[in-house]
Amino acid sequence: MNKHSVYETNSFYWDTKGNDFLGAIVLPFYGAFVSEEKCQLFGDVSGKKMLEIGCGNGQSLQYQGNRKASELWGIDISEKQIEKATQHLTACGLSAKLICSPMEEECGIPVDYFDFVYSIYAIGWTTDLEDTFCRIASYLKKDGIFIFSWSHPIHKCVVEENNRFVFNKCYFDESWYSVSPDFCQGALTLSDRKLSTYLNALAKAGFVIEQMIEETDNEIIQLHDENNDFVKRAKMFPVTFVIKARKL
């Protein structure tokens, strides 16, 4: 895997195809069928300094700004998404410091500065998980909180065949592959990491895990068509996981 090739492929996708579809993966939603309104992982953020990894079009930053966070920062690999976020936040009367850079690289973000770093369905794009978590730890104050969500790895291993869910991919396979999302034309490069890979990388970076969520919210799922294929999956196994960790 050549990380610069991955940067080019994924940033081109988000620049040209990106993310007007992301209603389910911006706060208050952590992903399909998991919400901050139910989980209350952030609590009161008034007066807090916030950094979002993979800020996309700025809607999650808007959510934090509306809850009276004192500073909003965001980083994203896509110049187009940074432009969208700037326009969106300005229209909402909010200011933010936005930086276009891969999350793995030094980009001028202050260290020992933030109360919260968070990421909604973006951490999984990193080409170097351990280095990314170490960088995030450096941005946080002592006892600062890191919250992130991503697609549950079990979800990526299962397909439906003859009205039954069956494994079609090895859970332990973390090799990189090309994928064309159902929602849009274009290609992305991705690796499906095991849950233990995320947990061990957090521990190595100096985090202690305070909470992990992988349950489907039944109240949310009842609002959707029970015959929808994705709803059927979410009733049987986790499709999203969320981790809240604290910097030691």
Protein backbone atom coordinates (compact mmCIF):
# COMPACT_ATOMS: atom_id res chain seq x y z
CA MET A 1 0.00 0.00 0.00
CA ASN A 2 1.38 3.37 -1.09
CA LYS A 3 -0.09 5.98 1.25
CA HIS A 4 0.32 8.82 -1.23
CA SER A 5 -1.58 6.85 -3.85
CA VAL A 6 -4.35 6.31 -1.28
CA TYR A 7 -4.37 10.06 -0.50
CA GLU A 8 -4.72 10.89 -4.19
CA THR A 9 -7.50 8.37 -4.82
CA ASN A 10 -9.57 9.29 -1.77
CA SER A 11 -9.09 13.06 -1.94
CA PHE A 12 -10.05 13.00 -5.65
CA TYR A 13 -13.24 11.12 -4.75
CA TRP A 14 -14.27 13.60 -2.05
CA ASP A 15 -13.31 16.56 -4.24
CA THR A 16 -15.42 15.37 -7.17
CA LYS A 17 -18.16 13.10 -5.78
CA GLY A 18 -18.28 13.97 -2.09
CA ASN A 19 -20.61 14.20 0.49
CA ASP A 20 -24.01 15.73 0.05
CA PHE A 21 -25.44 12.31 1.01
CA LEU A 22 -24.00 12.17 4.53
CA GLY A 23 -27.13 12.77 6.57
CA ALA A 24 -26.69 9.64 8.70
CA ILE A 25 -23.02 10.22 9.48
CA VAL A 26 -22.95 13.76 10.77
CA LEU A 27 -23.74 14.67 14.36
CA PRO A 28 -26.02 14.09 16.15
CA PHE A 29 -25.75 10.75 14.31
CA TYR A 30 -22.59 8.67 14.66
CA GLY A 31 -23.65 6.46 11.77
CA ALA A 32 -26.62 4.29 10.98
CA PHE A 33 -28.91 3.87 13.99
CA VAL A 34 -26.61 5.42 16.65
CA SER A 35 -27.12 8.97 17.94
CA GLU A 36 -25.48 11.38 20.35
CA GLU A 37 -28.92 12.34 21.62
CA LYS A 38 -29.29 8.82 23.03
CA CYS A 39 -25.65 8.08 23.94
CA GLN A 40 -24.68 11.46 25.44
CA LEU A 41 -20.94 10.83 24.99
CA PHE A 42 -19.97 14.50 24.76
CA GLY A 43 -22.12 15.92 27.52
CA ASP A 44 -21.95 19.70 27.97
CA VAL A 45 -19.45 21.15 25.46
CA SER A 46 -20.06 24.83 26.23
CA GLY A 47 -16.74 26.67 26.43
CA LYS A 48 -14.81 23.65 25.10
CA LYS A 49 -12.22 23.59 22.32
CA MET A 50 -13.16 21.06 19.64
CA LEU A 51 -11.23 19.50 16.76
CA GLU A 52 -12.92 17.32 14.14
CA ILE A 53 -10.88 14.82 12.12
CA GLY A 54 -12.47 14.51 8.67
CA CYS A 55 -14.77 17.50 9.00
CA GLY A 56 -16.41 17.06 5.58
CA ASN A 57 -18.95 19.78 4.81
CA GLY A 58 -18.98 21.19 8.34
CA GLN A 59 -22.34 19.93 9.62
CA SER A 60 -20.89 18.20 12.68
CA LEU A 61 -18.89 21.32 13.51
CA GLN A 62 -22.11 23.29 13.23
CA TYR A 63 -23.69 20.89 15.75
CA GLN A 64 -20.89 21.63 18.23
CA GLY A 65 -21.01 25.35 17.55
CA ASN A 66 -24.74 25.41 18.20
CA ARG A 67 -24.00 23.77 21.55
CA LYS A 68 -21.72 26.67 22.48
CA ALA A 69 -18.27 25.16 21.99
CA SER A 70 -15.73 27.98 22.34
CA GLU A 71 -13.44 27.00 19.42
CA LEU A 72 -14.10 24.92 16.32
CA TRP A 73 -11.26 23.34 14.34
CA GLY A 74 -11.45 20.86 11.49
CA ILE A 75 -9.13 18.89 9.23
CA ASP A 76 -10.03 17.16 5.97
CA ILE A 77 -8.07 15.64 3.08
CA SER A 78 -10.35 17.26 0.49
CA GLU A 79 -9.98 20.90 -0.56
CA LYS A 80 -13.54 20.82 -1.88
CA GLN A 81 -14.92 19.68 1.45
CA ILE A 82 -12.96 22.40 3.27
CA GLU A 83 -14.55 24.93 0.90
CA LYS A 84 -18.02 23.49 1.58
CA ALA A 85 -17.42 23.55 5.34
CA THR A 86 -16.24 27.16 5.23
CA GLN A 87 -19.31 28.23 3.27
CA HIS A 88 -21.69 26.25 5.45
CA LEU A 89 -20.31 27.48 8.77
CA THR A 90 -20.16 31.07 7.57
CA ALA A 91 -23.81 30.86 6.54
CA CYS A 92 -24.60 29.58 10.04
CA GLY A 93 -22.77 32.48 11.66
CA LEU A 94 -19.98 30.28 12.99
CA SER A 95 -16.22 30.60 12.62
CA ALA A 96 -13.77 27.72 12.48
CA LYS A 97 -10.12 27.07 11.73
CA LEU A 98 -10.13 24.57 8.86
CA ILE A 99 -7.05 22.79 7.52
CA CYS A 100 -6.69 20.71 4.36
CA SER A 101 -4.33 17.84 5.12
CA PRO A 102 -4.20 14.07 5.57
CA MET A 103 -4.87 13.24 9.21
CA GLU A 104 -1.59 11.31 9.43
CA GLU A 105 0.64 14.32 8.72
CA GLU A 106 1.89 17.34 10.66
CA CYS A 107 -0.27 20.29 9.67
CA GLY A 108 0.11 22.95 12.34
CA ILE A 109 -2.59 21.83 14.77
CA PRO A 110 -1.68 22.97 18.31
CA VAL A 111 -0.67 20.35 20.90
CA ASP A 112 -2.03 19.93 24.44
CA TYR A 113 -4.80 22.31 23.41
CA PHE A 114 -8.16 20.64 22.81
CA ASP A 115 -10.80 19.40 25.25
CA PHE A 116 -12.34 17.14 22.60
CA VAL A 117 -11.12 15.57 19.38
CA TYR A 118 -13.77 13.64 17.48
CA SER A 119 -14.32 11.95 14.14
CA ILE A 120 -17.57 10.78 12.56
CA TYR A 121 -16.92 8.00 10.02
CA ALA A 122 -13.50 9.31 8.99
CA ILE A 123 -10.82 7.60 11.11
CA GLY A 124 -11.05 4.41 9.06
CA TRP A 125 -9.58 6.23 6.04
CA THR A 126 -6.20 6.70 7.73
CA THR A 127 -3.24 4.91 6.18
CA ASP A 128 -1.47 4.75 9.57
CA LEU A 129 -3.81 4.16 12.50
CA GLU A 130 -1.18 4.13 15.25
CA ASP A 131 0.44 7.35 14.07
CA THR A 132 -2.95 9.04 13.70
CA PHE A 133 -3.99 8.11 17.24
CA CYS A 134 -0.64 9.35 18.58
CA ARG A 135 -1.15 12.67 16.80
CA ILE A 136 -4.66 12.96 18.18
CA ALA A 137 -3.37 12.26 21.69
CA SER A 138 -0.83 15.06 21.24
CA TYR A 139 -3.57 17.54 20.32
CA LEU A 140 -5.56 16.83 23.49
CA LYS A 141 -5.07 18.24 26.94
CA LYS A 142 -4.50 15.74 29.75
CA ASP A 143 -7.81 13.97 30.40
CA GLY A 144 -9.07 15.25 27.04
CA ILE A 145 -11.66 13.12 25.26
CA PHE A 146 -11.42 11.41 21.87
CA ILE A 147 -14.67 10.12 20.34
CA PHE A 148 -14.88 8.41 16.96
CA SER A 149 -17.22 6.23 14.93
CA TRP A 150 -16.70 3.92 11.99
CA SER A 151 -18.31 1.06 10.13
CA HIS A 152 -18.31 -2.08 12.27
CA PRO A 153 -15.89 -4.66 10.81
CA ILE A 154 -18.43 -7.49 11.14
CA HIS A 155 -20.76 -5.52 8.87
CA LYS A 156 -18.14 -5.65 6.11
CA CYS A 157 -17.81 -9.44 6.33
CA VAL A 158 -21.45 -10.42 5.87
CA VAL A 159 -23.71 -10.65 2.82
CA GLU A 160 -27.28 -11.84 2.35
CA GLU A 161 -27.83 -15.02 0.36
CA ASN A 162 -31.17 -16.81 0.06
CA ASN A 163 -32.65 -14.78 2.92
CA ARG A 164 -29.78 -15.68 5.25
CA PHE A 165 -26.73 -13.71 6.33
CA VAL A 166 -23.45 -15.47 5.60
CA PHE A 167 -19.78 -14.59 5.93
CA ASN A 168 -18.10 -13.88 2.60
CA LYS A 169 -14.94 -12.16 3.86
CA CYS A 170 -12.35 -13.07 6.46
CA TYR A 171 -12.68 -10.87 9.56
CA PHE A 172 -8.90 -10.94 10.03
CA ASP A 173 -8.13 -9.65 6.52
CA GLU A 174 -6.93 -6.03 6.80
CA SER A 175 -5.55 -5.69 3.29
CA TRP A 176 -6.34 -2.56 1.27
CA TYR A 177 -8.86 -2.76 -1.55
CA SER A 178 -10.77 -0.53 -3.97
CA VAL A 179 -14.48 0.04 -3.43
CA SER A 180 -17.18 1.89 -5.37
CA PRO A 181 -19.89 3.04 -2.94
CA ASP A 182 -23.50 2.31 -3.79
CA PHE A 183 -24.49 5.93 -3.30
CA CYS A 184 -22.24 7.42 -5.97
CA GLN A 185 -19.97 6.72 -8.91
CA GLY A 186 -16.25 6.74 -8.18
CA ALA A 187 -13.62 4.73 -6.33
CA LEU A 188 -12.17 4.78 -2.84
CA THR A 189 -9.31 2.83 -1.27
CA LEU A 190 -10.05 1.25 2.10
CA SER A 191 -8.90 -1.25 4.72
CA ASP A 192 -11.26 -3.09 7.09
CA ARG A 193 -9.47 -3.22 10.45
CA LYS A 194 -10.37 -5.54 13.31
CA LEU A 195 -11.84 -4.01 16.47
CA SER A 196 -8.74 -5.19 18.34
CA THR A 197 -6.57 -3.16 15.96
CA TYR A 198 -8.40 0.02 16.98
CA LEU A 199 -8.34 -0.83 20.68
CA ASN A 200 -4.65 -1.75 20.76
CA ALA A 201 -3.70 1.39 18.80
CA LEU A 202 -5.64 3.53 21.30
CA ALA A 203 -3.84 1.90 24.22
CA LYS A 204 -0.45 2.36 22.56
CA ALA A 205 -1.21 6.07 22.03
CA GLY A 206 -1.95 6.55 25.74
CA PHE A 207 -5.74 6.39 25.80
CA VAL A 208 -8.03 4.57 28.21
CA ILE A 209 -11.38 3.49 26.80
CA GLU A 210 -14.37 4.82 28.72
CA GLN A 211 -17.18 3.52 26.54
CA MET A 212 -17.81 1.51 23.39
CA ILE A 213 -21.16 1.35 21.61
CA GLU A 214 -22.10 -1.15 18.92
CA GLU A 215 -25.81 -1.69 19.60
CA THR A 216 -28.43 -0.62 17.10
CA ASP A 217 -30.83 1.96 18.55
CA ASN A 218 -34.27 0.35 18.39
CA GLU A 219 -36.09 3.67 18.55
CA ILE A 220 -34.25 4.92 15.46
CA ILE A 221 -34.62 1.67 13.56
CA GLN A 222 -38.39 1.70 14.09
CA LEU A 223 -38.52 4.88 12.01
CA HIS A 224 -37.29 2.97 8.95
CA ASP A 225 -38.84 0.40 6.63
CA GLU A 226 -38.35 -3.00 8.27
CA ASN A 227 -38.03 -4.59 4.82
CA ASN A 228 -35.04 -2.42 3.91
CA ASP A 229 -31.93 -4.59 3.47
CA PHE A 230 -29.78 -2.33 5.63
CA VAL A 231 -32.38 -2.32 8.42
CA LYS A 232 -32.46 -6.12 8.31
CA ARG A 233 -28.68 -6.17 8.77
CA ALA A 234 -28.77 -3.71 11.65
CA LYS A 235 -31.30 -5.86 13.50
CA MET A 236 -29.00 -8.88 13.33
CA PHE A 237 -25.50 -7.48 13.93
CA PRO A 238 -23.74 -4.14 14.48
CA VAL A 239 -23.20 -1.89 11.48
CA THR A 240 -21.55 1.01 13.38
CA PHE A 241 -19.26 1.22 16.39
CA VAL A 242 -18.42 4.26 18.52
CA ILE A 243 -15.56 4.58 21.01
CA LYS A 244 -15.05 7.22 23.70
CA ALA A 245 -11.50 7.33 25.06
CA ARG A 246 -9.67 9.60 27.51
CA LYS A 247 -6.05 10.74 27.25
CA LEU A 248 -4.04 9.70 30.29
